Every structure is written in structure tokens, then in C-alpha cells.
């Protein structure tokens, strides 16, 4: 008998059961090495469509394809043992209707091994969420600022102030009623995010939505200081790995040009001594 029991991976019902408990820890991951780091500390590794901006240099998430999400999803799932992978459904892969959404969600799950998907939208996506969950596809919802709708929203702005508050609350309630197991609140005013969190039976995961949410998510490259094209107010930088990498690359380049690297210890002798 093994001295240590195998670790059981986190699944959607485990996330729902955490409502009101110890806050959920969520970070994005796009590669196997990063997934291995995230796995030790997080409940969820979100394979976000932010990969388009962070790793592929896109100006927004709109150009991300289903094939890209499958590629990165596979890489992340390979690196996880405990944390649950959730994969974003990219723009254009689910908005047409429930049948399209099911076909593409099924591809994401079967071709990556991830147990859940995430999609953006509130009341207008409730029918699709219900269709998916009734057919075995666990759905994490996402309301407030929905980056795939950035052109309609007019930018990456706070969503839910004043007259918009009632709509965001209605969006969250609709996602819960449709069967979502959790919901991301992005750039929602702190007070409203707290009200939504207390009103729902499913966990809320905030990003720029205050401390009252049931959990928090950040883009890992933002919080590590690797992706520095812009820095949203809600990002706390826990390291400055971008600067450290720049200094290391500069040192390497200088040593190569000065013929200081490689040194004798980095090479191989012409003959092996007997």
C-alpha cells in the first residue's frame, strides 16, 4: 500500500461546494511548465483567451481561435495533477447558438482533457449555458467586463455603475439559474460585486471586483511582471520577472560578444582520458 494516497483532481462540484468558504485561488496558465507551478498553489488553472495577447502579441482576445485554445489547453492539462483546468471558449465559437456551443465545448473537453469551459455573457447566454450543462458540459460564466465584447463596450471599462448595476445583477442571476457552477466578475464595482456574491449560491471569482468575491483570478504573466504592455489597476505585481529576464539576457549577450561564454567548463574535450 502506498504511503501517500493519490491526489484527486479538483472538479466543478468541488468548486461550487467552496461557496462562502476559504477563497478560491485562480491563475491563468498557457504552458506545461507554468501549469506545474500553478498546480501547487491554485484551485483552478484558467486557460484564458488572454493567451492571444500575452503569448501571441494580439491587440485583443478577439483573434484567438479554437485550435489555439486546444493547443494550449492540452499543454496545461499535462502539467496539472490537482488543480482543475478551465478553458475559455474563444470569440465566435459559441455565440451562434447552443448547438454550435456544444460542438465546440465538446471538442475542447475531449481534445484537451479539461473538465470545464468558460464563456462570456449574461442573460443572452443563459439558454446556451443551460443547453451545455444539461449535456454534461460544466460551465464557468463571466459577466461584467467581457473582453470579447470590447468593441461593443467601447473599451476595457468598469461595468456595473449606476443604471448598469441592475443588468449585471440580472446577468449573474441568469447564469446561476442556467446551471453555471461558478461565475467570474470582471471590473465590477466593489459594492455591486459584494451584493452579487451574497445573492448567489454559486461562487464568484473576481478580477478587479473587490475582496468580497469567493475567489480571485489574475493573468499570471501580469502578476509575475512578465507581460508589461499595460498594467490594469486591479493587478498587483508579485514579482518583476520581466526585468530579471532582461538583465539575464543582457549579461548573456555581453559574455558571448566578449567570448567569455562558453568557458572551458561548458565544452567537451577532444579525447577522453583513459
C-alpha atoms as a PDB file:
ATOM      1  CA  UNK A   1       0.000   0.000   0.000  1.00  0.00           C
ATOM      2  CA  UNK A   2       1.322   3.420  -0.953  1.00  0.00           C
ATOM      3  CA  UNK A   3       2.384   5.674   1.911  1.00  0.00           C
ATOM      4  CA  UNK A   4       0.664   8.618   0.256  1.00  0.00           C
ATOM      5  CA  UNK A   5      -2.793   8.496  -1.262  1.00  0.00           C
ATOM      6  CA  UNK A   6      -3.092   9.765  -4.854  1.00  0.00           C
ATOM      7  CA  UNK A   7      -4.241  13.365  -5.165  1.00  0.00           C
ATOM      8  CA  UNK A   8      -7.773  13.650  -6.526  1.00  0.00           C
ATOM      9  CA  UNK A   9      -8.097  16.456  -9.066  1.00  0.00           C
ATOM     10  CA  UNK A  10     -10.482  19.301  -8.307  1.00  0.00           C
ATOM     11  CA  UNK A  11     -13.782  19.082 -10.204  1.00  0.00           C
ATOM     12  CA  UNK A  12     -16.650  21.567 -10.749  1.00  0.00           C
ATOM     13  CA  UNK A  13     -18.790  20.296  -7.822  1.00  0.00           C
ATOM     14  CA  UNK A  14     -15.792  20.869  -5.519  1.00  0.00           C
ATOM     15  CA  UNK A  15     -15.638  24.493  -6.665  1.00  0.00           C
ATOM     16  CA  UNK A  16     -19.367  25.035  -6.102  1.00  0.00           C
ATOM     17  CA  UNK A  17     -19.051  23.499  -2.622  1.00  0.00           C
ATOM     18  CA  UNK A  18     -16.464  26.137  -1.711  1.00  0.00           C
ATOM     19  CA  UNK A  19     -19.100  28.894  -1.753  1.00  0.00           C
ATOM     20  CA  UNK A  20     -18.558  31.132   1.247  1.00  0.00           C
ATOM     21  CA  UNK A  21     -15.521  29.172   2.418  1.00  0.00           C
ATOM     22  CA  UNK A  22     -11.779  29.623   2.006  1.00  0.00           C
ATOM     23  CA  UNK A  23     -11.360  31.868  -1.061  1.00  0.00           C
ATOM     24  CA  UNK A  24     -10.671  30.135  -4.354  1.00  0.00           C
ATOM     25  CA  UNK A  25      -7.258  30.797  -5.908  1.00  0.00           C
ATOM     26  CA  UNK A  26      -7.214  31.026  -9.689  1.00  0.00           C
ATOM     27  CA  UNK A  27      -4.429  31.941 -12.121  1.00  0.00           C
ATOM     28  CA  UNK A  28      -4.145  31.652 -15.871  1.00  0.00           C
ATOM     29  CA  UNK A  29      -1.734  29.169 -17.415  1.00  0.00           C
ATOM     30  CA  UNK A  30      -0.880  28.554 -21.054  1.00  0.00           C
ATOM     31  CA  UNK A  31       2.089  26.145 -20.948  1.00  0.00           C
ATOM     32  CA  UNK A  32       3.052  22.919 -19.185  1.00  0.00           C
ATOM     33  CA  UNK A  33       5.864  24.441 -17.058  1.00  0.00           C
ATOM     34  CA  UNK A  34       3.599  27.237 -15.839  1.00  0.00           C
ATOM     35  CA  UNK A  35       0.787  24.775 -15.154  1.00  0.00           C
ATOM     36  CA  UNK A  36       3.123  22.765 -12.924  1.00  0.00           C
ATOM     37  CA  UNK A  37       3.905  25.885 -10.892  1.00  0.00           C
ATOM     38  CA  UNK A  38       0.243  26.866 -10.634  1.00  0.00           C
ATOM     39  CA  UNK A  39      -0.830  23.350  -9.655  1.00  0.00           C
ATOM     40  CA  UNK A  40       0.943  23.506  -6.304  1.00  0.00           C
ATOM     41  CA  UNK A  41      -0.904  26.587  -5.133  1.00  0.00           C
ATOM     42  CA  UNK A  42      -4.169  27.084  -7.042  1.00  0.00           C
ATOM     43  CA  UNK A  43      -7.606  25.527  -7.198  1.00  0.00           C
ATOM     44  CA  UNK A  44      -8.143  26.391 -10.869  1.00  0.00           C
ATOM     45  CA  UNK A  45      -5.768  26.904 -13.778  1.00  0.00           C
ATOM     46  CA  UNK A  46      -7.656  29.024 -16.289  1.00  0.00           C
ATOM     47  CA  UNK A  47      -6.519  28.561 -19.880  1.00  0.00           C
ATOM     48  CA  UNK A  48      -7.637  32.054 -20.784  1.00  0.00           C
ATOM     49  CA  UNK A  49      -8.084  33.512 -24.235  1.00  0.00           C
ATOM     50  CA  UNK A  50      -5.766  36.199 -22.866  1.00  0.00           C
ATOM     51  CA  UNK A  51      -3.144  33.867 -24.345  1.00  0.00           C
ATOM     52  CA  UNK A  52      -3.667  35.747 -27.599  1.00  0.00           C
ATOM     53  CA  UNK A  53      -2.370  38.974 -26.090  1.00  0.00           C
ATOM     54  CA  UNK A  54       0.147  37.543 -23.639  1.00  0.00           C
ATOM     55  CA  UNK A  55       1.887  34.917 -25.798  1.00  0.00           C
ATOM     56  CA  UNK A  56       0.885  35.754 -29.359  1.00  0.00           C
ATOM     57  CA  UNK A  57       1.099  39.557 -29.413  1.00  0.00           C
ATOM     58  CA  UNK A  58      -2.515  40.139 -30.441  1.00  0.00           C
ATOM     59  CA  UNK A  59      -4.136  43.508 -29.661  1.00  0.00           C
ATOM     60  CA  UNK A  60      -7.170  41.816 -28.052  1.00  0.00           C
ATOM     61  CA  UNK A  61      -8.634  38.368 -27.430  1.00  0.00           C
ATOM     62  CA  UNK A  62     -10.906  38.508 -30.476  1.00  0.00           C
ATOM     63  CA  UNK A  63      -8.457  36.840 -32.867  1.00  0.00           C
ATOM     64  CA  UNK A  64      -7.952  33.748 -30.695  1.00  0.00           C
ATOM     65  CA  UNK A  65      -9.091  30.521 -32.379  1.00  0.00           C
ATOM     66  CA  UNK A  66     -10.469  27.247 -31.100  1.00  0.00           C
ATOM     67  CA  UNK A  67      -7.334  25.486 -32.332  1.00  0.00           C
ATOM     68  CA  UNK A  68      -5.164  27.820 -30.225  1.00  0.00           C
ATOM     69  CA  UNK A  69      -7.223  27.072 -27.133  1.00  0.00           C
ATOM     70  CA  UNK A  70      -6.967  23.328 -27.766  1.00  0.00           C
ATOM     71  CA  UNK A  71      -3.186  23.549 -28.226  1.00  0.00           C
ATOM     72  CA  UNK A  72      -2.641  25.497 -25.004  1.00  0.00           C
ATOM     73  CA  UNK A  73      -5.311  23.519 -23.159  1.00  0.00           C
ATOM     74  CA  UNK A  74      -3.502  20.261 -23.849  1.00  0.00           C
ATOM     75  CA  UNK A  75      -0.233  21.738 -22.620  1.00  0.00           C
ATOM     76  CA  UNK A  76      -1.798  22.934 -19.368  1.00  0.00           C
ATOM     77  CA  UNK A  77      -3.661  19.713 -18.617  1.00  0.00           C
ATOM     78  CA  UNK A  78      -0.382  17.799 -18.990  1.00  0.00           C
ATOM     79  CA  UNK A  79       1.102  19.895 -16.205  1.00  0.00           C
ATOM     80  CA  UNK A  80      -1.726  19.555 -13.677  1.00  0.00           C
ATOM     81  CA  UNK A  81      -2.264  16.949 -11.007  1.00  0.00           C
ATOM     82  CA  UNK A  82      -4.547  18.687  -8.515  1.00  0.00           C
ATOM     83  CA  UNK A  83      -5.846  21.999  -9.864  1.00  0.00           C
ATOM     84  CA  UNK A  84      -8.771  21.997 -12.286  1.00  0.00           C
ATOM     85  CA  UNK A  85      -8.259  23.221 -15.833  1.00  0.00           C
ATOM     86  CA  UNK A  86     -10.963  25.505 -17.207  1.00  0.00           C
ATOM     87  CA  UNK A  87     -10.671  26.531 -20.862  1.00  0.00           C
ATOM     88  CA  UNK A  88     -12.057  29.716 -22.369  1.00  0.00           C
ATOM     89  CA  UNK A  89     -14.326  29.336 -25.354  1.00  0.00           C
ATOM     90  CA  UNK A  90     -12.948  31.857 -27.857  1.00  0.00           C
ATOM     91  CA  UNK A  91     -14.893  34.551 -29.668  1.00  0.00           C
ATOM     92  CA  UNK A  92     -17.092  33.135 -32.415  1.00  0.00           C
ATOM     93  CA  UNK A  93     -17.122  29.581 -31.059  1.00  0.00           C
ATOM     94  CA  UNK A  94     -20.412  29.735 -29.113  1.00  0.00           C
ATOM     95  CA  UNK A  95     -22.391  32.915 -29.847  1.00  0.00           C
ATOM     96  CA  UNK A  96     -24.254  31.478 -32.852  1.00  0.00           C
ATOM     97  CA  UNK A  97     -26.374  29.220 -30.692  1.00  0.00           C
ATOM     98  CA  UNK A  98     -26.484  26.307 -28.241  1.00  0.00           C
ATOM     99  CA  UNK A  99     -25.738  23.620 -30.838  1.00  0.00           C
ATOM    100  CA  UNK A 100     -22.590  25.398 -32.063  1.00  0.00           C
ATOM    101  CA  UNK A 101     -21.520  25.990 -28.467  1.00  0.00           C
ATOM    102  CA  UNK A 102     -21.964  22.306 -27.607  1.00  0.00           C
ATOM    103  CA  UNK A 103     -19.958  21.089 -30.599  1.00  0.00           C
ATOM    104  CA  UNK A 104     -17.051  23.364 -29.755  1.00  0.00           C
ATOM    105  CA  UNK A 105     -17.200  22.832 -25.991  1.00  0.00           C
ATOM    106  CA  UNK A 106     -17.177  19.071 -26.608  1.00  0.00           C
ATOM    107  CA  UNK A 107     -14.061  19.487 -28.770  1.00  0.00           C
ATOM    108  CA  UNK A 108     -12.320  21.494 -26.079  1.00  0.00           C
ATOM    109  CA  UNK A 109     -13.078  18.887 -23.415  1.00  0.00           C
ATOM    110  CA  UNK A 110     -12.394  15.737 -25.431  1.00  0.00           C
ATOM    111  CA  UNK A 111      -9.225  17.020 -27.136  1.00  0.00           C
ATOM    112  CA  UNK A 112      -7.644  18.523 -24.004  1.00  0.00           C
ATOM    113  CA  UNK A 113      -8.983  16.519 -21.088  1.00  0.00           C
ATOM    114  CA  UNK A 114     -10.181  19.654 -19.290  1.00  0.00           C
ATOM    115  CA  UNK A 115     -13.341  19.129 -17.215  1.00  0.00           C
ATOM    116  CA  UNK A 116     -14.927  22.554 -17.777  1.00  0.00           C
ATOM    117  CA  UNK A 117     -15.194  25.546 -20.095  1.00  0.00           C
ATOM    118  CA  UNK A 118     -15.768  29.257 -19.563  1.00  0.00           C
ATOM    119  CA  UNK A 119     -17.831  31.564 -21.725  1.00  0.00           C
ATOM    120  CA  UNK A 120     -18.685  35.247 -21.584  1.00  0.00           C
ATOM    121  CA  UNK A 121     -22.145  36.777 -21.391  1.00  0.00           C
ATOM    122  CA  UNK A 122     -25.137  37.041 -19.088  1.00  0.00           C
ATOM    123  CA  UNK A 123     -28.850  36.829 -19.785  1.00  0.00           C
ATOM    124  CA  UNK A 124     -28.426  36.412 -23.543  1.00  0.00           C
ATOM    125  CA  UNK A 125     -26.197  33.357 -22.946  1.00  0.00           C
ATOM    126  CA  UNK A 126     -28.443  31.678 -20.361  1.00  0.00           C
ATOM    127  CA  UNK A 127     -30.073  29.385 -22.925  1.00  0.00           C
ATOM    128  CA  UNK A 128     -26.661  28.252 -24.150  1.00  0.00           C
ATOM    129  CA  UNK A 129     -25.364  27.650 -20.609  1.00  0.00           C
ATOM    130  CA  UNK A 130     -28.455  25.572 -19.811  1.00  0.00           C
ATOM    131  CA  UNK A 131     -28.036  23.580 -23.039  1.00  0.00           C
ATOM    132  CA  UNK A 132     -24.405  22.819 -22.247  1.00  0.00           C
ATOM    133  CA  UNK A 133     -24.872  21.906 -18.590  1.00  0.00           C
ATOM    134  CA  UNK A 134     -27.797  19.610 -19.438  1.00  0.00           C
ATOM    135  CA  UNK A 135     -25.453  17.712 -21.759  1.00  0.00           C
ATOM    136  CA  UNK A 136     -22.544  17.236 -19.375  1.00  0.00           C
ATOM    137  CA  UNK A 137     -20.516  20.370 -20.038  1.00  0.00           C
ATOM    138  CA  UNK A 138     -19.725  22.240 -16.787  1.00  0.00           C
ATOM    139  CA  UNK A 139     -19.735  25.997 -17.446  1.00  0.00           C
ATOM    140  CA  UNK A 140     -17.994  28.830 -15.651  1.00  0.00           C
ATOM    141  CA  UNK A 141     -19.793  32.045 -16.574  1.00  0.00           C
ATOM    142  CA  UNK A 142     -18.273  35.514 -16.973  1.00  0.00           C
ATOM    143  CA  UNK A 143     -20.107  38.835 -16.603  1.00  0.00           C
ATOM    144  CA  UNK A 144     -19.286  42.496 -16.100  1.00  0.00           C
ATOM    145  CA  UNK A 145     -16.477  43.484 -18.442  1.00  0.00           C
ATOM    146  CA  UNK A 146     -16.430  40.785 -21.119  1.00  0.00           C
ATOM    147  CA  UNK A 147     -13.239  41.315 -23.152  1.00  0.00           C
ATOM    148  CA  UNK A 148     -14.612  39.580 -26.251  1.00  0.00           C
ATOM    149  CA  UNK A 149     -17.220  42.361 -26.444  1.00  0.00           C
ATOM    150  CA  UNK A 150     -14.651  45.153 -26.032  1.00  0.00           C
ATOM    151  CA  UNK A 151     -15.609  46.741 -29.361  1.00  0.00           C
ATOM    152  CA  UNK A 152     -19.258  46.911 -28.325  1.00  0.00           C
ATOM    153  CA  UNK A 153     -18.463  48.125 -24.815  1.00  0.00           C
ATOM    154  CA  UNK A 154     -16.138  50.838 -26.113  1.00  0.00           C
ATOM    155  CA  UNK A 155     -13.023  49.718 -24.254  1.00  0.00           C
ATOM    156  CA  UNK A 156     -11.875  47.920 -21.119  1.00  0.00           C
ATOM    157  CA  UNK A 157     -14.077  49.903 -18.757  1.00  0.00           C
ATOM    158  CA  UNK A 158     -15.761  49.291 -15.424  1.00  0.00           C
ATOM    159  CA  UNK A 159     -19.193  47.729 -15.984  1.00  0.00           C
ATOM    160  CA  UNK A 160     -21.981  47.998 -13.418  1.00  0.00           C
ATOM    161  CA  UNK A 161     -22.050  51.561 -12.213  1.00  0.00           C
ATOM    162  CA  UNK A 162     -25.361  53.343 -11.563  1.00  0.00           C
ATOM    163  CA  UNK A 163     -28.012  52.224 -14.070  1.00  0.00           C
ATOM    164  CA  UNK A 164     -25.871  49.287 -15.266  1.00  0.00           C
ATOM    165  CA  UNK A 165     -25.859  47.663 -11.823  1.00  0.00           C
ATOM    166  CA  UNK A 166     -29.278  46.042 -12.177  1.00  0.00           C
ATOM    167  CA  UNK A 167     -28.310  44.483 -15.521  1.00  0.00           C
ATOM    168  CA  UNK A 168     -25.088  42.983 -14.166  1.00  0.00           C
ATOM    169  CA  UNK A 169     -27.003  41.532 -11.209  1.00  0.00           C
ATOM    170  CA  UNK A 170     -29.612  40.103 -13.607  1.00  0.00           C
ATOM    171  CA  UNK A 171     -26.853  38.654 -15.788  1.00  0.00           C
ATOM    172  CA  UNK A 172     -25.288  36.897 -12.796  1.00  0.00           C
ATOM    173  CA  UNK A 173     -28.619  35.513 -11.608  1.00  0.00           C
ATOM    174  CA  UNK A 174     -29.430  34.250 -15.100  1.00  0.00           C
ATOM    175  CA  UNK A 175     -26.116  32.388 -15.335  1.00  0.00           C
ATOM    176  CA  UNK A 176     -26.707  30.761 -11.966  1.00  0.00           C
ATOM    177  CA  UNK A 177     -30.251  29.752 -12.905  1.00  0.00           C
ATOM    178  CA  UNK A 178     -28.963  28.255 -16.150  1.00  0.00           C
ATOM    179  CA  UNK A 179     -26.620  25.942 -14.247  1.00  0.00           C
ATOM    180  CA  UNK A 180     -23.204  27.616 -14.212  1.00  0.00           C
ATOM    181  CA  UNK A 181     -21.040  26.182 -11.421  1.00  0.00           C
ATOM    182  CA  UNK A 182     -19.245  29.494 -10.780  1.00  0.00           C
ATOM    183  CA  UNK A 183     -19.017  32.957 -12.266  1.00  0.00           C
ATOM    184  CA  UNK A 184     -16.240  35.442 -12.986  1.00  0.00           C
ATOM    185  CA  UNK A 185     -16.977  39.083 -12.178  1.00  0.00           C
ATOM    186  CA  UNK A 186     -14.590  41.332 -14.125  1.00  0.00           C
ATOM    187  CA  UNK A 187     -14.179  45.071 -13.466  1.00  0.00           C
ATOM    188  CA  UNK A 188     -17.423  45.232 -11.492  1.00  0.00           C
ATOM    189  CA  UNK A 189     -17.686  47.910  -8.763  1.00  0.00           C
ATOM    190  CA  UNK A 190     -16.711  46.539  -5.370  1.00  0.00           C
ATOM    191  CA  UNK A 191     -20.078  47.167  -3.733  1.00  0.00           C
ATOM    192  CA  UNK A 192     -22.026  45.532  -6.543  1.00  0.00           C
ATOM    193  CA  UNK A 193     -19.660  42.557  -6.633  1.00  0.00           C
ATOM    194  CA  UNK A 194     -20.310  42.060  -2.918  1.00  0.00           C
ATOM    195  CA  UNK A 195     -24.070  42.191  -3.457  1.00  0.00           C
ATOM    196  CA  UNK A 196     -23.870  39.642  -6.274  1.00  0.00           C
ATOM    197  CA  UNK A 197     -21.660  37.363  -4.196  1.00  0.00           C
ATOM    198  CA  UNK A 198     -24.128  37.379  -1.308  1.00  0.00           C
ATOM    199  CA  UNK A 199     -27.117  36.932  -3.645  1.00  0.00           C
ATOM    200  CA  UNK A 200     -25.802  33.866  -5.480  1.00  0.00           C
ATOM    201  CA  UNK A 201     -25.441  30.269  -4.327  1.00  0.00           C
ATOM    202  CA  UNK A 202     -22.506  29.657  -6.691  1.00  0.00           C
ATOM    203  CA  UNK A 203     -19.007  31.068  -6.098  1.00  0.00           C
ATOM    204  CA  UNK A 204     -17.985  34.373  -7.614  1.00  0.00           C
ATOM    205  CA  UNK A 205     -14.393  34.794  -8.803  1.00  0.00           C
ATOM    206  CA  UNK A 206     -13.297  38.401  -9.002  1.00  0.00           C
ATOM    207  CA  UNK A 207     -10.840  40.186 -11.223  1.00  0.00           C
ATOM    208  CA  UNK A 208     -10.949  43.850 -10.388  1.00  0.00           C
ATOM    209  CA  UNK A 209     -14.116  43.230  -8.362  1.00  0.00           C
ATOM    210  CA  UNK A 210     -13.005  43.518  -4.734  1.00  0.00           C
ATOM    211  CA  UNK A 211     -12.277  41.246  -1.807  1.00  0.00           C
ATOM    212  CA  UNK A 212     -15.839  40.079  -1.065  1.00  0.00           C
ATOM    213  CA  UNK A 213     -15.846  37.673  -4.011  1.00  0.00           C
ATOM    214  CA  UNK A 214     -15.499  33.956  -3.247  1.00  0.00           C
ATOM    215  CA  UNK A 215     -12.168  33.843  -5.074  1.00  0.00           C
ATOM    216  CA  UNK A 216      -9.744  35.815  -7.197  1.00  0.00           C
ATOM    217  CA  UNK A 217      -8.136  35.358 -10.624  1.00  0.00           C
ATOM    218  CA  UNK A 218      -5.255  37.162 -12.314  1.00  0.00           C
ATOM    219  CA  UNK A 219      -3.359  36.699 -15.553  1.00  0.00           C
ATOM    220  CA  UNK A 220      -0.166  35.027 -14.362  1.00  0.00           C
ATOM    221  CA  UNK A 221       2.121  36.975 -16.684  1.00  0.00           C
ATOM    222  CA  UNK A 222       0.683  40.219 -15.264  1.00  0.00           C
ATOM    223  CA  UNK A 223       1.245  39.310 -11.621  1.00  0.00           C
ATOM    224  CA  UNK A 224       4.747  37.976 -12.310  1.00  0.00           C
ATOM    225  CA  UNK A 225       5.761  41.129 -14.186  1.00  0.00           C
ATOM    226  CA  UNK A 226       6.397  39.287 -17.458  1.00  0.00           C
ATOM    227  CA  UNK A 227       3.650  40.891 -19.576  1.00  0.00           C
ATOM    228  CA  UNK A 228       4.153  44.638 -19.264  1.00  0.00           C
ATOM    229  CA  UNK A 229       2.405  46.087 -22.329  1.00  0.00           C
ATOM    230  CA  UNK A 230      -0.141  47.569 -19.965  1.00  0.00           C
ATOM    231  CA  UNK A 231      -0.950  47.233 -16.276  1.00  0.00           C
ATOM    232  CA  UNK A 232      -4.610  47.338 -15.170  1.00  0.00           C
ATOM    233  CA  UNK A 233      -5.306  48.962 -11.811  1.00  0.00           C
ATOM    234  CA  UNK A 234      -6.508  45.659 -10.363  1.00  0.00           C
ATOM    235  CA  UNK A 235      -3.195  43.869 -10.978  1.00  0.00           C
ATOM    236  CA  UNK A 236      -0.788  43.529  -8.072  1.00  0.00           C
ATOM    237  CA  UNK A 237       2.697  42.653  -9.306  1.00  0.00           C
ATOM    238  CA  UNK A 238       4.166  39.986  -7.017  1.00  0.00           C
ATOM    239  CA  UNK A 239       7.466  39.769  -8.914  1.00  0.00           C
ATOM    240  CA  UNK A 240       9.383  41.563 -11.647  1.00  0.00           C
ATOM    241  CA  UNK A 241      10.479  38.602 -13.729  1.00  0.00           C
ATOM    242  CA  UNK A 242      10.453  40.642 -16.916  1.00  0.00           C
ATOM    243  CA  UNK A 243      13.235  42.870 -15.615  1.00  0.00           C
ATOM    244  CA  UNK A 244      15.171  39.887 -14.240  1.00  0.00           C
ATOM    245  CA  UNK A 245      14.935  38.157 -17.625  1.00  0.00           C
ATOM    246  CA  UNK A 246      16.070  41.301 -19.442  1.00  0.00           C
ATOM    247  CA  UNK A 247      19.121  41.573 -17.189  1.00  0.00           C
ATOM    248  CA  UNK A 248      19.967  37.895 -17.662  1.00  0.00           C
ATOM    249  CA  UNK A 249      19.682  38.130 -21.459  1.00  0.00           C
ATOM    250  CA  UNK A 250      21.830  41.275 -21.470  1.00  0.00           C
ATOM    251  CA  UNK A 251      24.520  39.503 -19.412  1.00  0.00           C
ATOM    252  CA  UNK A 252      24.469  36.514 -21.771  1.00  0.00           C
ATOM    253  CA  UNK A 253      24.766  38.746 -24.845  1.00  0.00           C
ATOM    254  CA  UNK A 254      27.685  40.645 -23.316  1.00  0.00           C
ATOM    255  CA  UNK A 255      29.562  37.428 -22.473  1.00  0.00           C
ATOM    256  CA  UNK A 256      29.038  35.978 -25.939  1.00  0.00           C
ATOM    257  CA  UNK A 257      30.339  39.133 -27.626  1.00  0.00           C
ATOM    258  CA  UNK A 258      33.343  39.208 -25.280  1.00  0.00           C
ATOM    259  CA  UNK A 259      33.991  35.485 -25.847  1.00  0.00           C
ATOM    260  CA  UNK A 260      33.606  34.951 -22.118  1.00  0.00           C
ATOM    261  CA  UNK A 261      30.916  32.349 -22.755  1.00  0.00           C
ATOM    262  CA  UNK A 262      31.197  29.469 -23.269  1.00  0.00           C
ATOM    263  CA  UNK A 263      34.088  28.812 -20.924  1.00  0.00           C
ATOM    264  CA  UNK A 264      36.212  25.665 -20.688  1.00  0.00           C
ATOM    265  CA  UNK A 265      33.754  24.173 -18.206  1.00  0.00           C
ATOM    266  CA  UNK A 266      30.967  24.358 -20.793  1.00  0.00           C
ATOM    267  CA  UNK A 267      32.800  22.408 -23.507  1.00  0.00           C
ATOM    268  CA  UNK A 268      33.929  18.840 -24.211  1.00  0.00           C
ATOM    269  CA  UNK A 269      37.488  17.524 -24.628  1.00  0.00           C
ATOM    270  CA  UNK A 270      38.611  16.094 -27.956  1.00  0.00           C
ATOM    271  CA  UNK A 271      39.725  12.915 -26.236  1.00  0.00           C
ATOM    272  CA  UNK A 272      38.558  11.121 -23.134  1.00  0.00           C
ATOM    273  CA  UNK A 273      41.408  10.293 -20.736  1.00  0.00           C
ATOM    274  CA  UNK A 274      41.789   6.588 -20.116  1.00  0.00           C
END
